[in-house]
PDB file of N, CA and C in Angstrom:
ATOM      1  N   MET A   1     -66.700   1.166 -45.897  1.00  0.00           N
ATOM      2  CA  MET A   1     -65.899   0.724 -44.764  1.00  0.00           C
ATOM      3  C   MET A   1     -65.650  -0.777 -44.893  1.00  0.00           C
ATOM      4  N   ASN A   2     -64.421  -1.176 -44.702  1.00  0.00           N
ATOM      5  CA  ASN A   2     -64.078  -2.599 -44.790  1.00  0.00           C
ATOM      6  C   ASN A   2     -64.685  -3.365 -43.629  1.00  0.00           C
ATOM      7  N   LYS A   3     -65.048  -4.599 -43.942  1.00  0.00           N
ATOM      8  CA  LYS A   3     -65.548  -5.491 -42.899  1.00  0.00           C
ATOM      9  C   LYS A   3     -64.383  -5.884 -41.995  1.00  0.00           C
ATOM     10  N   LEU A   4     -64.717  -6.323 -40.794  1.00  0.00           N
ATOM     11  CA  LEU A   4     -63.688  -6.794 -39.878  1.00  0.00           C
ATOM     12  C   LEU A   4     -63.172  -8.154 -40.320  1.00  0.00           C
ATOM     13  N   SER A   5     -61.891  -8.389 -40.083  1.00  0.00           N
ATOM     14  CA  SER A   5     -61.328  -9.713 -40.351  1.00  0.00           C
ATOM     15  C   SER A   5     -61.873 -10.686 -39.307  1.00  0.00           C
ATOM     16  N   GLN A   6     -61.696 -11.967 -39.575  1.00  0.00           N
ATOM     17  CA  GLN A   6     -62.158 -12.983 -38.616  1.00  0.00           C
ATOM     18  C   GLN A   6     -61.490 -12.781 -37.260  1.00  0.00           C
ATOM     19  N   GLU A   7     -60.199 -12.476 -37.278  1.00  0.00           N
ATOM     20  CA  GLU A   7     -59.465 -12.255 -36.025  1.00  0.00           C
ATOM     21  C   GLU A   7     -60.026 -11.040 -35.277  1.00  0.00           C
ATOM     22  N   GLN A   8     -60.320  -9.974 -36.000  1.00  0.00           N
ATOM     23  CA  GLN A   8     -60.888  -8.781 -35.379  1.00  0.00           C
ATOM     24  C   GLN A   8     -62.275  -9.070 -34.820  1.00  0.00           C
ATOM     25  N   LYS A   9     -63.072  -9.847 -35.560  1.00  0.00           N
ATOM     26  CA  LYS A   9     -64.400 -10.219 -35.080  1.00  0.00           C
ATOM     27  C   LYS A   9     -64.306 -11.025 -33.788  1.00  0.00           C
ATOM     28  N   LYS A  10     -63.356 -11.938 -33.734  1.00  0.00           N
ATOM     29  CA  LYS A  10     -63.154 -12.731 -32.526  1.00  0.00           C
ATOM     30  C   LYS A  10     -62.752 -11.842 -31.354  1.00  0.00           C
ATOM     31  N   THR A  11     -61.904 -10.872 -31.627  1.00  0.00           N
ATOM     32  CA  THR A  11     -61.468  -9.946 -30.571  1.00  0.00           C
ATOM     33  C   THR A  11     -62.646  -9.135 -30.047  1.00  0.00           C
ATOM     34  N   VAL A  12     -63.456  -8.601 -30.951  1.00  0.00           N
ATOM     35  CA  VAL A  12     -64.632  -7.823 -30.555  1.00  0.00           C
ATOM     36  C   VAL A  12     -65.589  -8.703 -29.756  1.00  0.00           C
ATOM     37  N   GLU A  13     -65.831  -9.913 -30.229  1.00  0.00           N
ATOM     38  CA  GLU A  13     -66.727 -10.831 -29.529  1.00  0.00           C
ATOM     39  C   GLU A  13     -66.189 -11.170 -28.133  1.00  0.00           C
ATOM     40  N   HIS A  14     -64.892 -11.386 -28.043  1.00  0.00           N
ATOM     41  CA  HIS A  14     -64.266 -11.679 -26.748  1.00  0.00           C
ATOM     42  C   HIS A  14     -64.479 -10.514 -25.771  1.00  0.00           C
ATOM     43  N   ILE A  15     -64.269  -9.303 -26.238  1.00  0.00           N
ATOM     44  CA  ILE A  15     -64.450  -8.122 -25.389  1.00  0.00           C
ATOM     45  C   ILE A  15     -65.916  -7.963 -24.995  1.00  0.00           C
ATOM     46  N   GLU A  16     -66.833  -8.168 -25.946  1.00  0.00           N
ATOM     47  CA  GLU A  16     -68.262  -8.088 -25.635  1.00  0.00           C
ATOM     48  C   GLU A  16     -68.647  -9.102 -24.568  1.00  0.00           C
ATOM     49  N   ASN A  17     -68.117 -10.318 -24.679  1.00  0.00           N
ATOM     50  CA  ASN A  17     -68.403 -11.352 -23.685  1.00  0.00           C
ATOM     51  C   ASN A  17     -67.865 -10.970 -22.309  1.00  0.00           C
ATOM     52  N   LYS A  18     -66.656 -10.444 -22.269  1.00  0.00           N
ATOM     53  CA  LYS A  18     -66.074 -10.025 -20.987  1.00  0.00           C
ATOM     54  C   LYS A  18     -66.903  -8.904 -20.363  1.00  0.00           C
ATOM     55  N   LEU A  19     -67.370  -7.988 -21.187  1.00  0.00           N
ATOM     56  CA  LEU A  19     -68.169  -6.866 -20.691  1.00  0.00           C
ATOM     57  C   LEU A  19     -69.473  -7.350 -20.059  1.00  0.00           C
ATOM     58  N   CYS A  20     -69.964  -8.489 -20.522  1.00  0.00           N
ATOM     59  CA  CYS A  20     -71.210  -9.056 -19.983  1.00  0.00           C
ATOM     60  C   CYS A  20     -71.012  -9.772 -18.648  1.00  0.00           C
ATOM     61  N   ILE A  21     -69.787 -10.174 -18.342  1.00  0.00           N
ATOM     62  CA  ILE A  21     -69.576 -10.964 -17.123  1.00  0.00           C
ATOM     63  C   ILE A  21     -68.792 -10.236 -16.032  1.00  0.00           C
ATOM     64  N   ILE A  22     -68.294  -9.041 -16.321  1.00  0.00           N
ATOM     65  CA  ILE A  22     -67.600  -8.291 -15.275  1.00  0.00           C
ATOM     66  C   ILE A  22     -68.605  -7.829 -14.225  1.00  0.00           C
ATOM     67  N   SER A  23     -68.088  -7.313 -13.130  1.00  0.00           N
ATOM     68  CA  SER A  23     -68.962  -6.776 -12.088  1.00  0.00           C
ATOM     69  C   SER A  23     -69.922  -5.766 -12.699  1.00  0.00           C
ATOM     70  N   PRO A  24     -71.186  -5.762 -12.219  1.00  0.00           N
ATOM     71  CA  PRO A  24     -72.181  -4.871 -12.835  1.00  0.00           C
ATOM     72  C   PRO A  24     -71.763  -3.401 -12.774  1.00  0.00           C
ATOM     73  N   TRP A  25     -72.019  -2.727 -13.847  1.00  0.00           N
ATOM     74  CA  TRP A  25     -71.676  -1.309 -13.915  1.00  0.00           C
ATOM     75  C   TRP A  25     -72.938  -0.493 -14.094  1.00  0.00           C
ATOM     76  N   PRO A  26     -72.931   0.778 -13.824  1.00  0.00           N
ATOM     77  CA  PRO A  26     -71.748   1.630 -13.688  1.00  0.00           C
ATOM     78  C   PRO A  26     -71.003   1.403 -12.373  1.00  0.00           C
ATOM     79  N   TRP A  27     -69.713   1.640 -12.452  1.00  0.00           N
ATOM     80  CA  TRP A  27     -68.863   1.564 -11.283  1.00  0.00           C
ATOM     81  C   TRP A  27     -68.741   2.938 -10.662  1.00  0.00           C
ATOM     82  N   SER A  28     -68.325   2.969  -9.417  1.00  0.00           N
ATOM     83  CA  SER A  28     -68.166   4.246  -8.733  1.00  0.00           C
ATOM     84  C   SER A  28     -66.969   4.185  -7.789  1.00  0.00           C
ATOM     85  N   TRP A  29     -66.612   5.332  -7.276  1.00  0.00           N
ATOM     86  CA  TRP A  29     -65.515   5.449  -6.331  1.00  0.00           C
ATOM     87  C   TRP A  29     -66.098   5.680  -4.941  1.00  0.00           C
ATOM     88  N   ALA A  30     -65.702   4.837  -3.990  1.00  0.00           N
ATOM     89  CA  ALA A  30     -66.098   5.020  -2.589  1.00  0.00           C
ATOM     90  C   ALA A  30     -64.942   5.722  -1.890  1.00  0.00           C
ATOM     91  N   GLU A  31     -65.216   6.879  -1.366  1.00  0.00           N
ATOM     92  CA  GLU A  31     -64.167   7.665  -0.710  1.00  0.00           C
ATOM     93  C   GLU A  31     -63.638   6.964   0.535  1.00  0.00           C
ATOM     94  N   ARG A  32     -62.477   7.391   0.964  1.00  0.00           N
ATOM     95  CA  ARG A  32     -61.841   6.874   2.169  1.00  0.00           C
ATOM     96  C   ARG A  32     -62.773   7.025   3.366  1.00  0.00           C
ATOM     97  N   ASN A  33     -62.840   5.987   4.185  1.00  0.00           N
ATOM     98  CA  ASN A  33     -63.655   6.015   5.397  1.00  0.00           C
ATOM     99  C   ASN A  33     -62.747   6.404   6.560  1.00  0.00           C
ATOM    100  N   LYS A  34     -62.859   7.641   6.999  1.00  0.00           N
ATOM    101  CA  LYS A  34     -61.958   8.138   8.047  1.00  0.00           C
ATOM    102  C   LYS A  34     -62.197   7.458   9.391  1.00  0.00           C
ATOM    103  N   LYS A  35     -63.402   6.975   9.597  1.00  0.00           N
ATOM    104  CA  LYS A  35     -63.718   6.302  10.860  1.00  0.00           C
ATOM    105  C   LYS A  35     -62.997   4.952  10.961  1.00  0.00           C
ATOM    106  N   THR A  36     -63.017   4.176   9.882  1.00  0.00           N
ATOM    107  CA  THR A  36     -62.397   2.851   9.900  1.00  0.00           C
ATOM    108  C   THR A  36     -60.976   2.856   9.349  1.00  0.00           C
ATOM    109  N   GLU A  37     -60.549   3.977   8.741  1.00  0.00           N
ATOM    110  CA  GLU A  37     -59.240   4.116   8.102  1.00  0.00           C
ATOM    111  C   GLU A  37     -59.106   3.280   6.826  1.00  0.00           C
ATOM    112  N   ASP A  38     -60.252   2.821   6.283  1.00  0.00           N
ATOM    113  CA  ASP A  38     -60.212   2.132   5.001  1.00  0.00           C
ATOM    114  C   ASP A  38     -59.979   3.159   3.905  1.00  0.00           C
ATOM    115  N   LEU A  39     -59.027   2.853   3.019  1.00  0.00           N
ATOM    116  CA  LEU A  39     -58.794   3.730   1.882  1.00  0.00           C
ATOM    117  C   LEU A  39     -59.938   3.573   0.893  1.00  0.00           C
ATOM    118  N   GLY A  40     -59.936   4.379  -0.139  1.00  0.00           N
ATOM    119  CA  GLY A  40     -61.003   4.327  -1.136  1.00  0.00           C
ATOM    120  C   GLY A  40     -61.079   2.991  -1.839  1.00  0.00           C
ATOM    121  N   ALA A  41     -62.185   2.783  -2.554  1.00  0.00           N
ATOM    122  CA  ALA A  41     -62.384   1.529  -3.277  1.00  0.00           C
ATOM    123  C   ALA A  41     -63.206   1.789  -4.530  1.00  0.00           C
ATOM    124  N   ILE A  42     -62.986   0.959  -5.522  1.00  0.00           N
ATOM    125  CA  ILE A  42     -63.823   0.963  -6.716  1.00  0.00           C
ATOM    126  C   ILE A  42     -64.942  -0.020  -6.441  1.00  0.00           C
ATOM    127  N   GLN A  43     -66.184   0.438  -6.645  1.00  0.00           N
ATOM    128  CA  GLN A  43     -67.342  -0.404  -6.351  1.00  0.00           C
ATOM    129  C   GLN A  43     -68.211  -0.575  -7.588  1.00  0.00           C
ATOM    130  N   ASP A  44     -68.903  -1.727  -7.634  1.00  0.00           N
ATOM    131  CA  ASP A  44     -69.824  -1.964  -8.735  1.00  0.00           C
ATOM    132  C   ASP A  44     -71.176  -1.312  -8.434  1.00  0.00           C
ATOM    133  N   SER A  45     -72.149  -1.526  -9.299  1.00  0.00           N
ATOM    134  CA  SER A  45     -73.449  -0.871  -9.130  1.00  0.00           C
ATOM    135  C   SER A  45     -74.207  -1.375  -7.905  1.00  0.00           C
ATOM    136  N   ASN A  46     -73.766  -2.514  -7.339  1.00  0.00           N
ATOM    137  CA  ASN A  46     -74.370  -3.032  -6.104  1.00  0.00           C
ATOM    138  C   ASN A  46     -73.615  -2.573  -4.853  1.00  0.00           C
ATOM    139  N   LYS A  47     -72.665  -1.670  -5.043  1.00  0.00           N
ATOM    140  CA  LYS A  47     -71.826  -1.142  -3.957  1.00  0.00           C
ATOM    141  C   LYS A  47     -70.907  -2.207  -3.355  1.00  0.00           C
ATOM    142  N   GLU A  48     -70.616  -3.251  -4.150  1.00  0.00           N
ATOM    143  CA  GLU A  48     -69.644  -4.272  -3.752  1.00  0.00           C
ATOM    144  C   GLU A  48     -68.268  -3.827  -4.236  1.00  0.00           C
ATOM    145  N   ASN A  49     -67.243  -4.031  -3.410  1.00  0.00           N
ATOM    146  CA  ASN A  49     -65.904  -3.630  -3.810  1.00  0.00           C
ATOM    147  C   ASN A  49     -65.386  -4.486  -4.953  1.00  0.00           C
ATOM    148  N   ILE A  50     -64.877  -3.816  -5.964  1.00  0.00           N
ATOM    149  CA  ILE A  50     -64.169  -4.471  -7.059  1.00  0.00           C
ATOM    150  C   ILE A  50     -62.684  -4.462  -6.727  1.00  0.00           C
ATOM    151  N   CYS A  51     -62.246  -3.325  -6.219  1.00  0.00           N
ATOM    152  CA  CYS A  51     -60.839  -3.142  -5.879  1.00  0.00           C
ATOM    153  C   CYS A  51     -60.764  -2.222  -4.669  1.00  0.00           C
ATOM    154  N   SER A  52     -60.233  -2.755  -3.582  1.00  0.00           N
ATOM    155  CA  SER A  52     -60.086  -1.976  -2.355  1.00  0.00           C
ATOM    156  C   SER A  52     -58.599  -1.708  -2.153  1.00  0.00           C
ATOM    157  N   PHE A  53     -58.285  -0.532  -1.678  1.00  0.00           N
ATOM    158  CA  PHE A  53     -56.881  -0.157  -1.501  1.00  0.00           C
ATOM    159  C   PHE A  53     -56.390  -0.355  -0.075  1.00  0.00           C
ATOM    160  N   GLY A  54     -57.173  -1.078   0.716  1.00  0.00           N
ATOM    161  CA  GLY A  54     -56.721  -1.496   2.037  1.00  0.00           C
ATOM    162  C   GLY A  54     -57.071  -0.536   3.154  1.00  0.00           C
ATOM    163  N   ASN A  55     -56.544  -0.862   4.296  1.00  0.00           N
ATOM    164  CA  ASN A  55     -56.769  -0.096   5.515  1.00  0.00           C
ATOM    165  C   ASN A  55     -55.433   0.493   5.928  1.00  0.00           C
ATOM    166  N   CYS A  56     -55.364   1.822   6.036  1.00  0.00           N
ATOM    167  CA  CYS A  56     -54.077   2.470   6.261  1.00  0.00           C
ATOM    168  C   CYS A  56     -53.538   2.283   7.676  1.00  0.00           C
ATOM    169  N   THR A  57     -54.343   1.780   8.596  1.00  0.00           N
ATOM    170  CA  THR A  57     -53.850   1.475   9.941  1.00  0.00           C
ATOM    171  C   THR A  57     -53.478   0.008  10.040  1.00  0.00           C
ATOM    172  N   GLN A  58     -54.399  -0.842   9.659  1.00  0.00           N
ATOM    173  CA  GLN A  58     -54.195  -2.289   9.768  1.00  0.00           C
ATOM    174  C   GLN A  58     -53.045  -2.788   8.890  1.00  0.00           C
ATOM    175  N   TYR A  59     -52.904  -2.240   7.687  1.00  0.00           N
ATOM    176  CA  TYR A  59     -51.917  -2.756   6.746  1.00  0.00           C
ATOM    177  C   TYR A  59     -50.676  -1.874   6.594  1.00  0.00           C
ATOM    178  N   TYR A  60     -50.566  -0.819   7.376  1.00  0.00           N
ATOM    179  CA  TYR A  60     -49.394   0.056   7.281  1.00  0.00           C
ATOM    180  C   TYR A  60     -48.139  -0.751   7.546  1.00  0.00           C
ATOM    181  N   PRO A  61     -47.084  -0.621   6.799  1.00  0.00           N
ATOM    182  CA  PRO A  61     -46.849   0.306   5.681  1.00  0.00           C
ATOM    183  C   PRO A  61     -47.113  -0.309   4.314  1.00  0.00           C
ATOM    184  N   SER A  62     -47.855  -1.396   4.259  1.00  0.00           N
ATOM    185  CA  SER A  62     -48.041  -2.081   2.974  1.00  0.00           C
ATOM    186  C   SER A  62     -49.429  -1.880   2.378  1.00  0.00           C
ATOM    187  N   GLU A  63     -50.189  -0.925   2.899  1.00  0.00           N
ATOM    188  CA  GLU A  63     -51.509  -0.668   2.332  1.00  0.00           C
ATOM    189  C   GLU A  63     -51.357  -0.174   0.896  1.00  0.00           C
ATOM    190  N   GLY A  64     -52.425  -0.274   0.148  1.00  0.00           N
ATOM    191  CA  GLY A  64     -52.387   0.166  -1.244  1.00  0.00           C
ATOM    192  C   GLY A  64     -52.315   1.682  -1.343  1.00  0.00           C
ATOM    193  N   GLU A  65     -52.197   2.136  -2.554  1.00  0.00           N
ATOM    194  CA  GLU A  65     -52.181   3.576  -2.811  1.00  0.00           C
ATOM    195  C   GLU A  65     -53.305   3.898  -3.774  1.00  0.00           C
ATOM    196  N   GLU A  66     -54.164   4.821  -3.381  1.00  0.00           N
ATOM    197  CA  GLU A  66     -55.272   5.200  -4.249  1.00  0.00           C
ATOM    198  C   GLU A  66     -54.739   5.808  -5.542  1.00  0.00           C
ATOM    199  N   PRO A  67     -55.404   5.529  -6.670  1.00  0.00           N
ATOM    200  CA  PRO A  67     -54.944   6.097  -7.936  1.00  0.00           C
ATOM    201  C   PRO A  67     -55.179   7.609  -7.989  1.00  0.00           C
ATOM    202  N   ALA A  68     -54.435   8.259  -8.866  1.00  0.00           N
ATOM    203  CA  ALA A  68     -54.635   9.684  -9.103  1.00  0.00           C
ATOM    204  C   ALA A  68     -56.069   9.893  -9.605  1.00  0.00           C
ATOM    205  N   GLU A  69     -56.594  11.065  -9.392  1.00  0.00           N
ATOM    206  CA  GLU A  69     -57.989  11.382  -9.733  1.00  0.00           C
ATOM    207  C   GLU A  69     -58.322  11.051 -11.197  1.00  0.00           C
ATOM    208  N   ILE A  70     -57.444  11.438 -12.128  1.00  0.00           N
ATOM    209  CA  ILE A  70     -57.722  11.198 -13.553  1.00  0.00           C
ATOM    210  C   ILE A  70     -57.747   9.694 -13.845  1.00  0.00           C
ATOM    211  N   ASN A  71     -56.884   8.926 -13.210  1.00  0.00           N
ATOM    212  CA  ASN A  71     -56.874   7.474 -13.401  1.00  0.00           C
ATOM    213  C   ASN A  71     -58.109   6.834 -12.771  1.00  0.00           C
ATOM    214  N   LYS A  72     -58.482   7.333 -11.621  1.00  0.00           N
ATOM    215  CA  LYS A  72     -59.680   6.849 -10.928  1.00  0.00           C
ATOM    216  C   LYS A  72     -60.902   7.019 -11.826  1.00  0.00           C
ATOM    217  N   GLU A  73     -61.049   8.190 -12.416  1.00  0.00           N
ATOM    218  CA  GLU A  73     -62.187   8.476 -13.293  1.00  0.00           C
ATOM    219  C   GLU A  73     -62.179   7.566 -14.518  1.00  0.00           C
ATOM    220  N   PHE A  74     -61.004   7.353 -15.095  1.00  0.00           N
ATOM    221  CA  PHE A  74     -60.923   6.493 -16.272  1.00  0.00           C
ATOM    222  C   PHE A  74     -61.285   5.058 -15.913  1.00  0.00           C
ATOM    223  N   ILE A  75     -60.781   4.569 -14.800  1.00  0.00           N
ATOM    224  CA  ILE A  75     -61.057   3.191 -14.383  1.00  0.00           C
ATOM    225  C   ILE A  75     -62.546   2.982 -14.136  1.00  0.00           C
ATOM    226  N   ILE A  76     -63.164   3.877 -13.374  1.00  0.00           N
ATOM    227  CA  ILE A  76     -64.574   3.649 -13.030  1.00  0.00           C
ATOM    228  C   ILE A  76     -65.497   3.791 -14.236  1.00  0.00           C
ATOM    229  N   HIS A  77     -65.069   4.529 -15.260  1.00  0.00           N
ATOM    230  CA  HIS A  77     -65.913   4.700 -16.448  1.00  0.00           C
ATOM    231  C   HIS A  77     -65.519   3.759 -17.589  1.00  0.00           C
ATOM    232  N   SER A  78     -64.510   2.927 -17.385  1.00  0.00           N
ATOM    233  CA  SER A  78     -64.032   2.074 -18.480  1.00  0.00           C
ATOM    234  C   SER A  78     -65.096   1.136 -19.057  1.00  0.00           C
ATOM    235  N   PRO A  79     -65.989   0.539 -18.264  1.00  0.00           N
ATOM    236  CA  PRO A  79     -67.013  -0.300 -18.913  1.00  0.00           C
ATOM    237  C   PRO A  79     -67.889   0.483 -19.891  1.00  0.00           C
ATOM    238  N   GLU A  80     -68.265   1.701 -19.518  1.00  0.00           N
ATOM    239  CA  GLU A  80     -69.085   2.523 -20.429  1.00  0.00           C
ATOM    240  C   GLU A  80     -68.287   2.908 -21.670  1.00  0.00           C
ATOM    241  N   TYR A  81     -67.002   3.256 -21.487  1.00  0.00           N
ATOM    242  CA  TYR A  81     -66.161   3.614 -22.634  1.00  0.00           C
ATOM    243  C   TYR A  81     -66.043   2.437 -23.594  1.00  0.00           C
ATOM    244  N   ILE A  82     -65.789   1.253 -23.040  1.00  0.00           N
ATOM    245  CA  ILE A  82     -65.649   0.064 -23.878  1.00  0.00           C
ATOM    246  C   ILE A  82     -66.960  -0.241 -24.598  1.00  0.00           C
ATOM    247  N   HIS A  83     -68.064  -0.130 -23.887  1.00  0.00           N
ATOM    248  CA  HIS A  83     -69.378  -0.359 -24.492  1.00  0.00           C
ATOM    249  C   HIS A  83     -69.598   0.584 -25.674  1.00  0.00           C
ATOM    250  N   GLU A  84     -69.319   1.853 -25.482  1.00  0.00           N
ATOM    251  CA  GLU A  84     -69.504   2.839 -26.556  1.00  0.00           C
ATOM    252  C   GLU A  84     -68.591   2.553 -27.740  1.00  0.00           C
ATOM    253  N   LEU A  85     -67.351   2.182 -27.479  1.00  0.00           N
ATOM    254  CA  LEU A  85     -66.429   1.851 -28.567  1.00  0.00           C
ATOM    255  C   LEU A  85     -66.908   0.628 -29.345  1.00  0.00           C
ATOM    256  N   LEU A  86     -67.419  -0.360 -28.638  1.00  0.00           N
ATOM    257  CA  LEU A  86     -67.945  -1.550 -29.317  1.00  0.00           C
ATOM    258  C   LEU A  86     -69.140  -1.204 -30.201  1.00  0.00           C
ATOM    259  N   LEU A  87     -70.008  -0.300 -29.723  1.00  0.00           N
ATOM    260  CA  LEU A  87     -71.130   0.127 -30.556  1.00  0.00           C
ATOM    261  C   LEU A  87     -70.644   0.795 -31.839  1.00  0.00           C
ATOM    262  N   ILE A  88     -69.604   1.622 -31.722  1.00  0.00           N
ATOM    263  CA  ILE A  88     -69.057   2.306 -32.889  1.00  0.00           C
ATOM    264  C   ILE A  88     -68.421   1.300 -33.844  1.00  0.00           C
ATOM    265  N   ILE A  89     -67.633   0.377 -33.301  1.00  0.00           N
ATOM    266  CA  ILE A  89     -66.985  -0.641 -34.142  1.00  0.00           C
ATOM    267  C   ILE A  89     -68.021  -1.467 -34.888  1.00  0.00           C
ATOM    268  N   ASN A  90     -69.044  -1.914 -34.167  1.00  0.00           N
ATOM    269  CA  ASN A  90     -70.086  -2.740 -34.799  1.00  0.00           C
ATOM    270  C   ASN A  90     -70.876  -1.969 -35.849  1.00  0.00           C
ATOM    271  N   LYS A  91     -71.066  -0.692 -35.616  1.00  0.00           N
ATOM    272  CA  LYS A  91     -71.792   0.124 -36.590  1.00  0.00           C
ATOM    273  C   LYS A  91     -70.971   0.323 -37.859  1.00  0.00           C
ATOM    274  N   LEU A  92     -69.664   0.482 -37.696  1.00  0.00           N
ATOM    275  CA  LEU A  92     -68.792   0.711 -38.845  1.00  0.00           C
ATOM    276  C   LEU A  92     -68.439  -0.569 -39.601  1.00  0.00           C
ATOM    277  N   ALA A  93     -68.560  -1.699 -38.932  1.00  0.00           N
ATOM    278  CA  ALA A  93     -68.129  -2.972 -39.552  1.00  0.00           C
ATOM    279  C   ALA A  93     -69.116  -3.495 -40.570  1.00  0.00           C
TER     280      ALA A  93
END
């Protein structure tokens, strides 16, 4: 297997560094709160919102739109996916 070029190494290192400073993972999906009318949110492992889609009463008609289920799953698992890909890249390099 060919070694990574300097540019590729820099890219991998940049991604590894970003993965270390993003909100702690695993991330999860917080369902819509029917009592407060808050739409769903992506939360970090401390249950802090990373991305909230707003309040459908307070912000109507400009509240956010929750992502489709498949997109939601991909987004919340992206740190783990990236981590696994980096392990594979580093092993092959």
